[in-house]
mmCIF file of all heavy atoms, coordinates in Angstrom:
data_MODEL
# 
_entry.id   MODEL 
# 
loop_
_atom_site.group_PDB 
_atom_site.id 
_atom_site.type_symbol 
_atom_site.label_atom_id 
_atom_site.label_alt_id 
_atom_site.label_comp_id 
_atom_site.label_asym_id 
_atom_site.label_entity_id 
_atom_site.label_seq_id 
_atom_site.pdbx_PDB_ins_code 
_atom_site.Cartn_x 
_atom_site.Cartn_y 
_atom_site.Cartn_z 
_atom_site.occupancy 
_atom_site.B_iso_or_equiv 
_atom_site.pdbx_formal_charge 
_atom_site.auth_seq_id 
_atom_site.auth_comp_id 
_atom_site.auth_asym_id 
_atom_site.auth_atom_id 
_atom_site.pdbx_PDB_model_num 
ATOM 1   N N   . GLY A 1 1  ? 0.808  -1.221  -0.001 1.00 0.00 ? 1  GLY A N   1 
ATOM 2   C CA  . GLY A 1 1  ? -0.001 0.002   0.000  1.00 0.00 ? 1  GLY A CA  1 
ATOM 3   C C   . GLY A 1 1  ? 0.835  1.265   -0.009 1.00 0.00 ? 1  GLY A C   1 
ATOM 4   O O   . GLY A 1 1  ? 1.872  1.352   -0.702 1.00 0.00 ? 1  GLY A O   1 
ATOM 5   N N   . GLU A 1 2  ? 0.418  2.228   0.776  1.00 0.00 ? 2  GLU A N   1 
ATOM 6   C CA  . GLU A 1 2  ? 1.061  3.518   0.863  1.00 0.00 ? 2  GLU A CA  1 
ATOM 7   C C   . GLU A 1 2  ? 2.580  3.405   1.098  1.00 0.00 ? 2  GLU A C   1 
ATOM 8   O O   . GLU A 1 2  ? 3.022  2.650   1.955  1.00 0.00 ? 2  GLU A O   1 
ATOM 9   C CB  . GLU A 1 2  ? 0.464  4.334   2.009  1.00 0.00 ? 2  GLU A CB  1 
ATOM 10  C CG  . GLU A 1 2  ? 1.074  5.705   2.207  1.00 0.00 ? 2  GLU A CG  1 
ATOM 11  C CD  . GLU A 1 2  ? 0.502  6.465   3.424  1.00 0.00 ? 2  GLU A CD  1 
ATOM 12  O OE1 . GLU A 1 2  ? -0.396 5.935   4.096  1.00 0.00 ? 2  GLU A OE1 1 
ATOM 13  O OE2 . GLU A 1 2  ? 0.981  7.598   3.643  1.00 0.00 ? 2  GLU A OE2 1 
ATOM 14  N N   . GLY A 1 3  ? 3.359  4.128   0.291  1.00 0.00 ? 3  GLY A N   1 
ATOM 15  C CA  . GLY A 1 3  ? 4.805  4.089   0.429  1.00 0.00 ? 3  GLY A CA  1 
ATOM 16  C C   . GLY A 1 3  ? 5.271  5.075   1.488  1.00 0.00 ? 3  GLY A C   1 
ATOM 17  O O   . GLY A 1 3  ? 4.713  6.145   1.665  1.00 0.00 ? 3  GLY A O   1 
ATOM 18  N N   . PHE A 1 4  ? 6.318  4.709   2.185  1.00 0.00 ? 4  PHE A N   1 
ATOM 19  C CA  . PHE A 1 4  ? 6.946  5.567   3.205  1.00 0.00 ? 4  PHE A CA  1 
ATOM 20  C C   . PHE A 1 4  ? 8.423  5.688   2.917  1.00 0.00 ? 4  PHE A C   1 
ATOM 21  O O   . PHE A 1 4  ? 9.022  4.798   2.295  1.00 0.00 ? 4  PHE A O   1 
ATOM 22  C CB  . PHE A 1 4  ? 6.754  4.928   4.579  1.00 0.00 ? 4  PHE A CB  1 
ATOM 23  C CG  . PHE A 1 4  ? 5.317  4.729   4.977  1.00 0.00 ? 4  PHE A CG  1 
ATOM 24  C CD1 . PHE A 1 4  ? 4.803  3.437   5.027  1.00 0.00 ? 4  PHE A CD1 1 
ATOM 25  C CD2 . PHE A 1 4  ? 4.493  5.802   5.228  1.00 0.00 ? 4  PHE A CD2 1 
ATOM 26  C CE1 . PHE A 1 4  ? 3.457  3.223   5.384  1.00 0.00 ? 4  PHE A CE1 1 
ATOM 27  C CE2 . PHE A 1 4  ? 3.155  5.589   5.591  1.00 0.00 ? 4  PHE A CE2 1 
ATOM 28  C CZ  . PHE A 1 4  ? 2.648  4.311   5.632  1.00 0.00 ? 4  PHE A CZ  1 
ATOM 29  N N   . ASP A 1 5  ? 9.016  6.749   3.383  1.00 0.00 ? 5  ASP A N   1 
ATOM 30  C CA  . ASP A 1 5  ? 10.467 6.931   3.236  1.00 0.00 ? 5  ASP A CA  1 
ATOM 31  C C   . ASP A 1 5  ? 11.215 5.895   4.060  1.00 0.00 ? 5  ASP A C   1 
ATOM 32  O O   . ASP A 1 5  ? 12.217 5.333   3.647  1.00 0.00 ? 5  ASP A O   1 
ATOM 33  C CB  . ASP A 1 5  ? 10.901 8.317   3.673  1.00 0.00 ? 5  ASP A CB  1 
ATOM 34  C CG  . ASP A 1 5  ? 10.539 9.419   2.678  1.00 0.00 ? 5  ASP A CG  1 
ATOM 35  O OD1 . ASP A 1 5  ? 10.116 9.089   1.554  1.00 0.00 ? 5  ASP A OD1 1 
ATOM 36  O OD2 . ASP A 1 5  ? 10.651 10.574  3.054  1.00 0.00 ? 5  ASP A OD2 1 
ATOM 37  N N   . LEU A 1 6  ? 10.731 5.623   5.253  1.00 0.00 ? 6  LEU A N   1 
ATOM 38  C CA  . LEU A 1 6  ? 11.439 4.781   6.218  1.00 0.00 ? 6  LEU A CA  1 
ATOM 39  C C   . LEU A 1 6  ? 10.702 3.485   6.523  1.00 0.00 ? 6  LEU A C   1 
ATOM 40  O O   . LEU A 1 6  ? 9.475  3.485   6.679  1.00 0.00 ? 6  LEU A O   1 
ATOM 41  C CB  . LEU A 1 6  ? 11.631 5.527   7.556  1.00 0.00 ? 6  LEU A CB  1 
ATOM 42  C CG  . LEU A 1 6  ? 12.337 6.869   7.487  1.00 0.00 ? 6  LEU A CG  1 
ATOM 43  C CD1 . LEU A 1 6  ? 12.362 7.505   8.870  1.00 0.00 ? 6  LEU A CD1 1 
ATOM 44  C CD2 . LEU A 1 6  ? 13.743 6.700   6.936  1.00 0.00 ? 6  LEU A CD2 1 
ATOM 45  N N   . ILE A 1 7  ? 11.457 2.373   6.624  1.00 0.00 ? 7  ILE A N   1 
ATOM 46  C CA  . ILE A 1 7  ? 10.830 1.126   7.024  1.00 0.00 ? 7  ILE A CA  1 
ATOM 47  C C   . ILE A 1 7  ? 10.425 1.194   8.511  1.00 0.00 ? 7  ILE A C   1 
ATOM 48  O O   . ILE A 1 7  ? 9.560  0.455   8.943  1.00 0.00 ? 7  ILE A O   1 
ATOM 49  C CB  . ILE A 1 7  ? 11.673 -0.113  6.712  1.00 0.00 ? 7  ILE A CB  1 
ATOM 50  C CG1 . ILE A 1 7  ? 13.000 -0.101  7.433  1.00 0.00 ? 7  ILE A CG1 1 
ATOM 51  C CG2 . ILE A 1 7  ? 11.833 -0.297  5.198  1.00 0.00 ? 7  ILE A CG2 1 
ATOM 52  C CD1 . ILE A 1 7  ? 13.786 -1.437  7.299  1.00 0.00 ? 7  ILE A CD1 1 
ATOM 53  N N   . GLU A 1 8  ? 10.997 2.108   9.254  1.00 0.00 ? 8  GLU A N   1 
ATOM 54  C CA  . GLU A 1 8  ? 10.574 2.309   10.635 1.00 0.00 ? 8  GLU A CA  1 
ATOM 55  C C   . GLU A 1 8  ? 9.111  2.799   10.670 1.00 0.00 ? 8  GLU A C   1 
ATOM 56  O O   . GLU A 1 8  ? 8.350  2.419   11.599 1.00 0.00 ? 8  GLU A O   1 
ATOM 57  C CB  . GLU A 1 8  ? 11.486 3.330   11.325 1.00 0.00 ? 8  GLU A CB  1 
ATOM 58  C CG  . GLU A 1 8  ? 12.867 2.785   11.634 1.00 0.00 ? 8  GLU A CG  1 
ATOM 59  C CD  . GLU A 1 8  ? 13.832 2.885   10.443 1.00 0.00 ? 8  GLU A CD  1 
ATOM 60  O OE1 . GLU A 1 8  ? 13.432 3.327   9.337  1.00 0.00 ? 8  GLU A OE1 1 
ATOM 61  O OE2 . GLU A 1 8  ? 14.997 2.474   10.598 1.00 0.00 ? 8  GLU A OE2 1 
ATOM 62  N N   . THR A 1 9  ? 8.725  3.598   9.710  1.00 0.00 ? 9  THR A N   1 
ATOM 63  C CA  . THR A 1 9  ? 7.314  4.029   9.639  1.00 0.00 ? 9  THR A CA  1 
ATOM 64  C C   . THR A 1 9  ? 6.415  2.840   9.287  1.00 0.00 ? 9  THR A C   1 
ATOM 65  O O   . THR A 1 9  ? 5.365  2.638   9.861  1.00 0.00 ? 9  THR A O   1 
ATOM 66  C CB  . THR A 1 9  ? 7.154  5.165   8.606  1.00 0.00 ? 9  THR A CB  1 
ATOM 67  O OG1 . THR A 1 9  ? 8.046  6.208   8.933  1.00 0.00 ? 9  THR A OG1 1 
ATOM 68  C CG2 . THR A 1 9  ? 5.723  5.671   8.558  1.00 0.00 ? 9  THR A CG2 1 
ATOM 69  N N   . LEU A 1 10 ? 6.849  2.061   8.302  1.00 0.00 ? 10 LEU A N   1 
ATOM 70  C CA  . LEU A 1 10 ? 6.084  0.886   7.877  1.00 0.00 ? 10 LEU A CA  1 
ATOM 71  C C   . LEU A 1 10 ? 5.911  -0.106  9.050  1.00 0.00 ? 10 LEU A C   1 
ATOM 72  O O   . LEU A 1 10 ? 4.796  -0.562  9.276  1.00 0.00 ? 10 LEU A O   1 
ATOM 73  C CB  . LEU A 1 10 ? 6.764  0.205   6.693  1.00 0.00 ? 10 LEU A CB  1 
ATOM 74  C CG  . LEU A 1 10 ? 6.119  -1.063  6.149  1.00 0.00 ? 10 LEU A CG  1 
ATOM 75  C CD1 . LEU A 1 10 ? 4.697  -0.801  5.684  1.00 0.00 ? 10 LEU A CD1 1 
ATOM 76  C CD2 . LEU A 1 10 ? 6.989  -1.666  5.059  1.00 0.00 ? 10 LEU A CD2 1 
ATOM 77  N N   . VAL A 1 11 ? 6.964  -0.410  9.761  1.00 0.00 ? 11 VAL A N   1 
ATOM 78  C CA  . VAL A 1 11 ? 6.905  -1.365  10.838 1.00 0.00 ? 11 VAL A CA  1 
ATOM 79  C C   . VAL A 1 11 ? 5.958  -0.869  11.943 1.00 0.00 ? 11 VAL A C   1 
ATOM 80  O O   . VAL A 1 11 ? 5.175  -1.647  12.524 1.00 0.00 ? 11 VAL A O   1 
ATOM 81  C CB  . VAL A 1 11 ? 8.297  -1.763  11.358 1.00 0.00 ? 11 VAL A CB  1 
ATOM 82  C CG1 . VAL A 1 11 ? 8.919  -0.669  12.225 1.00 0.00 ? 11 VAL A CG1 1 
ATOM 83  C CG2 . VAL A 1 11 ? 8.254  -3.059  12.148 1.00 0.00 ? 11 VAL A CG2 1 
ATOM 84  N N   . GLU A 1 12 ? 5.996  0.429   12.244 1.00 0.00 ? 12 GLU A N   1 
ATOM 85  C CA  . GLU A 1 12 ? 5.107  1.014   13.262 1.00 0.00 ? 12 GLU A CA  1 
ATOM 86  C C   . GLU A 1 12 ? 3.651  0.916   12.821 1.00 0.00 ? 12 GLU A C   1 
ATOM 87  O O   . GLU A 1 12 ? 2.762  0.563   13.603 1.00 0.00 ? 12 GLU A O   1 
ATOM 88  C CB  . GLU A 1 12 ? 5.486  2.472   13.523 1.00 0.00 ? 12 GLU A CB  1 
ATOM 89  C CG  . GLU A 1 12 ? 4.668  3.139   14.568 1.00 0.00 ? 12 GLU A CG  1 
ATOM 90  C CD  . GLU A 1 12 ? 4.936  2.650   15.984 1.00 0.00 ? 12 GLU A CD  1 
ATOM 91  O OE1 . GLU A 1 12 ? 6.095  2.399   16.318 1.00 0.00 ? 12 GLU A OE1 1 
ATOM 92  O OE2 . GLU A 1 12 ? 3.956  2.518   16.743 1.00 0.00 ? 12 GLU A OE2 1 
ATOM 93  N N   . ARG A 1 13 ? 3.355  1.222   11.551 1.00 0.00 ? 13 ARG A N   1 
ATOM 94  C CA  . ARG A 1 13 ? 1.986  1.193   11.054 1.00 0.00 ? 13 ARG A CA  1 
ATOM 95  C C   . ARG A 1 13 ? 1.439  -0.262  11.042 1.00 0.00 ? 13 ARG A C   1 
ATOM 96  O O   . ARG A 1 13 ? 0.276  -0.467  11.370 1.00 0.00 ? 13 ARG A O   1 
ATOM 97  C CB  . ARG A 1 13 ? 1.922  1.739   9.611  1.00 0.00 ? 13 ARG A CB  1 
ATOM 98  C CG  . ARG A 1 13 ? 2.348  3.195   9.507  1.00 0.00 ? 13 ARG A CG  1 
ATOM 99  C CD  . ARG A 1 13 ? 1.292  4.172   10.024 1.00 0.00 ? 13 ARG A CD  1 
ATOM 100 N NE  . ARG A 1 13 ? 1.754  5.537   9.998  1.00 0.00 ? 13 ARG A NE  1 
ATOM 101 C CZ  . ARG A 1 13 ? 1.558  6.400   9.029  1.00 0.00 ? 13 ARG A CZ  1 
ATOM 102 N NH1 . ARG A 1 13 ? 0.859  6.063   7.969  1.00 0.00 ? 13 ARG A NH1 1 
ATOM 103 N NH2 . ARG A 1 13 ? 2.044  7.622   9.128  1.00 0.00 ? 13 ARG A NH2 1 
ATOM 104 N N   . ILE A 1 14 ? 2.297  -1.215  10.695 1.00 0.00 ? 14 ILE A N   1 
ATOM 105 C CA  . ILE A 1 14 ? 1.881  -2.599  10.697 1.00 0.00 ? 14 ILE A CA  1 
ATOM 106 C C   . ILE A 1 14 ? 1.525  -3.043  12.129 1.00 0.00 ? 14 ILE A C   1 
ATOM 107 O O   . ILE A 1 14 ? 0.506  -3.644  12.354 1.00 0.00 ? 14 ILE A O   1 
ATOM 108 C CB  . ILE A 1 14 ? 2.936  -3.520  10.078 1.00 0.00 ? 14 ILE A CB  1 
ATOM 109 C CG1 . ILE A 1 14 ? 3.023  -3.276  8.549  1.00 0.00 ? 14 ILE A CG1 1 
ATOM 110 C CG2 . ILE A 1 14 ? 2.614  -4.985  10.362 1.00 0.00 ? 14 ILE A CG2 1 
ATOM 111 C CD1 . ILE A 1 14 ? 4.191  -3.959  7.885  1.00 0.00 ? 14 ILE A CD1 1 
ATOM 112 N N   . ALA A 1 15 ? 2.393  -2.730  13.091 1.00 0.00 ? 15 ALA A N   1 
ATOM 113 C CA  . ALA A 1 15 ? 2.155  -3.124  14.454 1.00 0.00 ? 15 ALA A CA  1 
ATOM 114 C C   . ALA A 1 15 ? 0.852  -2.542  14.973 1.00 0.00 ? 15 ALA A C   1 
ATOM 115 O O   . ALA A 1 15 ? 0.037  -3.259  15.626 1.00 0.00 ? 15 ALA A O   1 
ATOM 116 C CB  . ALA A 1 15 ? 3.326  -2.705  15.333 1.00 0.00 ? 15 ALA A CB  1 
ATOM 117 N N   . ALA A 1 16 ? 0.617  -1.275  14.731 1.00 0.00 ? 16 ALA A N   1 
ATOM 118 C CA  . ALA A 1 16 ? -0.623 -0.625  15.177 1.00 0.00 ? 16 ALA A CA  1 
ATOM 119 C C   . ALA A 1 16 ? -1.847 -1.284  14.532 1.00 0.00 ? 16 ALA A C   1 
ATOM 120 O O   . ALA A 1 16 ? -2.875 -1.511  15.206 1.00 0.00 ? 16 ALA A O   1 
ATOM 121 C CB  . ALA A 1 16 ? -0.569 0.838   14.876 1.00 0.00 ? 16 ALA A CB  1 
ATOM 122 N N   . ALA A 1 17 ? -1.776 -1.578  13.258 1.00 0.00 ? 17 ALA A N   1 
ATOM 123 C CA  . ALA A 1 17 ? -2.916 -2.187  12.554 1.00 0.00 ? 17 ALA A CA  1 
ATOM 124 C C   . ALA A 1 17 ? -3.192 -3.589  13.093 1.00 0.00 ? 17 ALA A C   1 
ATOM 125 O O   . ALA A 1 17 ? -4.357 -3.988  13.242 1.00 0.00 ? 17 ALA A O   1 
ATOM 126 C CB  . ALA A 1 17 ? -2.643 -2.219  11.053 1.00 0.00 ? 17 ALA A CB  1 
ATOM 127 N N   . VAL A 1 18 ? -2.162 -4.360  13.335 1.00 0.00 ? 18 VAL A N   1 
ATOM 128 C CA  . VAL A 1 18 ? -2.334 -5.706  13.839 1.00 0.00 ? 18 VAL A CA  1 
ATOM 129 C C   . VAL A 1 18 ? -2.983 -5.678  15.218 1.00 0.00 ? 18 VAL A C   1 
ATOM 130 O O   . VAL A 1 18 ? -3.924 -6.423  15.506 1.00 0.00 ? 18 VAL A O   1 
ATOM 131 C CB  . VAL A 1 18 ? -0.993 -6.498  13.843 1.00 0.00 ? 18 VAL A CB  1 
ATOM 132 C CG1 . VAL A 1 18 ? -1.124 -7.768  14.630 1.00 0.00 ? 18 VAL A CG1 1 
ATOM 133 C CG2 . VAL A 1 18 ? -0.540 -6.763  12.435 1.00 0.00 ? 18 VAL A CG2 1 
ATOM 134 N N   . LEU A 1 19 ? -2.496 -4.808  16.118 1.00 0.00 ? 19 LEU A N   1 
ATOM 135 C CA  . LEU A 1 19 ? -3.087 -4.721  17.431 1.00 0.00 ? 19 LEU A CA  1 
ATOM 136 C C   . LEU A 1 19 ? -4.553 -4.267  17.395 1.00 0.00 ? 19 LEU A C   1 
ATOM 137 O O   . LEU A 1 19 ? -5.358 -4.710  18.189 1.00 0.00 ? 19 LEU A O   1 
ATOM 138 C CB  . LEU A 1 19 ? -2.266 -3.797  18.344 1.00 0.00 ? 19 LEU A CB  1 
ATOM 139 C CG  . LEU A 1 19 ? -0.996 -4.391  18.935 1.00 0.00 ? 19 LEU A CG  1 
ATOM 140 C CD1 . LEU A 1 19 ? -0.253 -3.342  19.719 1.00 0.00 ? 19 LEU A CD1 1 
ATOM 141 C CD2 . LEU A 1 19 ? -1.285 -5.607  19.793 1.00 0.00 ? 19 LEU A CD2 1 
ATOM 142 N N   . ALA A 1 20 ? -4.868 -3.418  16.437 1.00 0.00 ? 20 ALA A N   1 
ATOM 143 C CA  . ALA A 1 20 ? -6.263 -2.956  16.292 1.00 0.00 ? 20 ALA A CA  1 
ATOM 144 C C   . ALA A 1 20 ? -7.163 -4.039  15.730 1.00 0.00 ? 20 ALA A C   1 
ATOM 145 O O   . ALA A 1 20 ? -8.354 -4.049  16.004 1.00 0.00 ? 20 ALA A O   1 
ATOM 146 C CB  . ALA A 1 20 ? -6.300 -1.724  15.386 1.00 0.00 ? 20 ALA A CB  1 
ATOM 147 N N   . ALA A 1 21 ? -6.592 -4.999  14.992 1.00 0.00 ? 21 ALA A N   1 
ATOM 148 C CA  . ALA A 1 21 ? -7.398 -6.003  14.287 1.00 0.00 ? 21 ALA A CA  1 
ATOM 149 C C   . ALA A 1 21 ? -7.596 -7.294  15.051 1.00 0.00 ? 21 ALA A C   1 
ATOM 150 O O   . ALA A 1 21 ? -8.437 -8.100  14.668 1.00 0.00 ? 21 ALA A O   1 
ATOM 151 C CB  . ALA A 1 21 ? -6.763 -6.290  12.950 1.00 0.00 ? 21 ALA A CB  1 
ATOM 152 N N   . CYS A 1 22 ? -6.805 -7.525  16.103 1.00 0.00 ? 22 CYS A N   1 
ATOM 153 C CA  . CYS A 1 22 ? -6.918 -8.814  16.795 1.00 0.00 ? 22 CYS A CA  1 
ATOM 154 C C   . CYS A 1 22 ? -6.701 -8.660  18.283 1.00 0.00 ? 22 CYS A C   1 
ATOM 155 O O   . CYS A 1 22 ? -6.221 -7.616  18.749 1.00 0.00 ? 22 CYS A O   1 
ATOM 156 C CB  . CYS A 1 22 ? -5.906 -9.808  16.203 1.00 0.00 ? 22 CYS A CB  1 
ATOM 157 S SG  . CYS A 1 22 ? -4.199 -9.490  16.655 1.00 0.00 ? 22 CYS A SG  1 
ATOM 158 N N   . PRO A 1 23 ? -7.073 -9.690  19.061 1.00 0.00 ? 23 PRO A N   1 
ATOM 159 C CA  . PRO A 1 23 ? -6.983 -9.589  20.500 1.00 0.00 ? 23 PRO A CA  1 
ATOM 160 C C   . PRO A 1 23 ? -5.614 -9.915  21.093 1.00 0.00 ? 23 PRO A C   1 
ATOM 161 O O   . PRO A 1 23 ? -5.516 -10.281 22.263 1.00 0.00 ? 23 PRO A O   1 
ATOM 162 C CB  . PRO A 1 23 ? -8.036 -10.596 20.963 1.00 0.00 ? 23 PRO A CB  1 
ATOM 163 C CG  . PRO A 1 23 ? -8.014 -11.638 19.899 1.00 0.00 ? 23 PRO A CG  1 
ATOM 164 C CD  . PRO A 1 23 ? -7.769 -10.884 18.628 1.00 0.00 ? 23 PRO A CD  1 
ATOM 165 N N   . ALA A 1 24 ? -4.557 -9.796  20.329 1.00 0.00 ? 24 ALA A N   1 
ATOM 166 C CA  . ALA A 1 24 ? -3.211 -10.082 20.873 1.00 0.00 ? 24 ALA A CA  1 
ATOM 167 C C   . ALA A 1 24 ? -2.883 -9.065  21.999 1.00 0.00 ? 24 ALA A C   1 
ATOM 168 O O   . ALA A 1 24 ? -3.312 -7.923  21.947 1.00 0.00 ? 24 ALA A O   1 
ATOM 169 C CB  . ALA A 1 24 ? -2.169 -9.965  19.769 1.00 0.00 ? 24 ALA A CB  1 
ATOM 170 N N   . THR A 1 25 ? -2.146 -9.520  22.973 1.00 0.00 ? 25 THR A N   1 
ATOM 171 C CA  . THR A 1 25 ? -1.716 -8.631  24.058 1.00 0.00 ? 25 THR A CA  1 
ATOM 172 C C   . THR A 1 25 ? -0.475 -7.839  23.668 1.00 0.00 ? 25 THR A C   1 
ATOM 173 O O   . THR A 1 25 ? -0.208 -6.791  24.235 1.00 0.00 ? 25 THR A O   1 
ATOM 174 C CB  . THR A 1 25 ? -1.470 -9.409  25.362 1.00 0.00 ? 25 THR A CB  1 
ATOM 175 O OG1 . THR A 1 25 ? -0.469 -10.423 25.097 1.00 0.00 ? 25 THR A OG1 1 
ATOM 176 C CG2 . THR A 1 25 ? -2.744 -10.044 25.868 1.00 0.00 ? 25 THR A CG2 1 
ATOM 177 N N   . ALA A 1 26 ? 0.280  -8.393  22.713 1.00 0.00 ? 26 ALA A N   1 
ATOM 178 C CA  . ALA A 1 26 ? 1.493  -7.711  22.248 1.00 0.00 ? 26 ALA A CA  1 
ATOM 179 C C   . ALA A 1 26 ? 1.795  -8.250  20.845 1.00 0.00 ? 26 ALA A C   1 
ATOM 180 O O   . ALA A 1 26 ? 1.352  -9.339  20.456 1.00 0.00 ? 26 ALA A O   1 
ATOM 181 C CB  . ALA A 1 26 ? 2.677  -7.953  23.159 1.00 0.00 ? 26 ALA A CB  1 
ATOM 182 N N   . VAL A 1 27 ? 2.560  -7.473  20.090 1.00 0.00 ? 27 VAL A N   1 
ATOM 183 C CA  . VAL A 1 27 ? 2.984  -7.875  18.777 1.00 0.00 ? 27 VAL A CA  1 
ATOM 184 C C   . VAL A 1 27 ? 4.422  -7.444  18.535 1.00 0.00 ? 27 VAL A C   1 
ATOM 185 O O   . VAL A 1 27 ? 4.847  -6.387  19.002 1.00 0.00 ? 27 VAL A O   1 
ATOM 186 C CB  . VAL A 1 27 ? 2.062  -7.278  17.671 1.00 0.00 ? 27 VAL A CB  1 
ATOM 187 C CG1 . VAL A 1 27 ? 2.128  -5.756  17.628 1.00 0.00 ? 27 VAL A CG1 1 
ATOM 188 C CG2 . VAL A 1 27 ? 2.402  -7.855  16.289 1.00 0.00 ? 27 VAL A CG2 1 
ATOM 189 N N   . GLU A 1 28 ? 5.169  -8.299  17.909 1.00 0.00 ? 28 GLU A N   1 
ATOM 190 C CA  . GLU A 1 28 ? 6.519  -7.956  17.466 1.00 0.00 ? 28 GLU A CA  1 
ATOM 191 C C   . GLU A 1 28 ? 6.511  -8.047  15.949 1.00 0.00 ? 28 GLU A C   1 
ATOM 192 O O   . GLU A 1 28 ? 6.041  -9.063  15.390 1.00 0.00 ? 28 GLU A O   1 
ATOM 193 C CB  . GLU A 1 28 ? 7.561  -8.905  18.035 1.00 0.00 ? 28 GLU A CB  1 
ATOM 194 C CG  . GLU A 1 28 ? 8.975  -8.510  17.626 1.00 0.00 ? 28 GLU A CG  1 
ATOM 195 C CD  . GLU A 1 28 ? 10.030 -9.368  18.296 1.00 0.00 ? 28 GLU A CD  1 
ATOM 196 O OE1 . GLU A 1 28 ? 9.836  -9.763  19.462 1.00 0.00 ? 28 GLU A OE1 1 
ATOM 197 O OE2 . GLU A 1 28 ? 11.050 -9.635  17.642 1.00 0.00 ? 28 GLU A OE2 1 
ATOM 198 N N   . VAL A 1 29 ? 6.997  -7.010  15.294 1.00 0.00 ? 29 VAL A N   1 
ATOM 199 C CA  . VAL A 1 29 ? 6.991  -6.951  13.817 1.00 0.00 ? 29 VAL A CA  1 
ATOM 200 C C   . VAL A 1 29 ? 8.423  -6.649  13.374 1.00 0.00 ? 29 VAL A C   1 
ATOM 201 O O   . VAL A 1 29 ? 9.064  -5.756  13.889 1.00 0.00 ? 29 VAL A O   1 
ATOM 202 C CB  . VAL A 1 29 ? 6.024  -5.876  13.313 1.00 0.00 ? 29 VAL A CB  1 
ATOM 203 C CG1 . VAL A 1 29 ? 6.073  -5.797  11.778 1.00 0.00 ? 29 VAL A CG1 1 
ATOM 204 C CG2 . VAL A 1 29 ? 4.595  -6.144  13.782 1.00 0.00 ? 29 VAL A CG2 1 
# 
């Protein structure tokens, strides 16, 4: 999807989306 300059931004967005979508207590990406 949306492109970012930094993979740090991508990894943060993925972690937030995963936590919002499922009942995990924590996520490592």
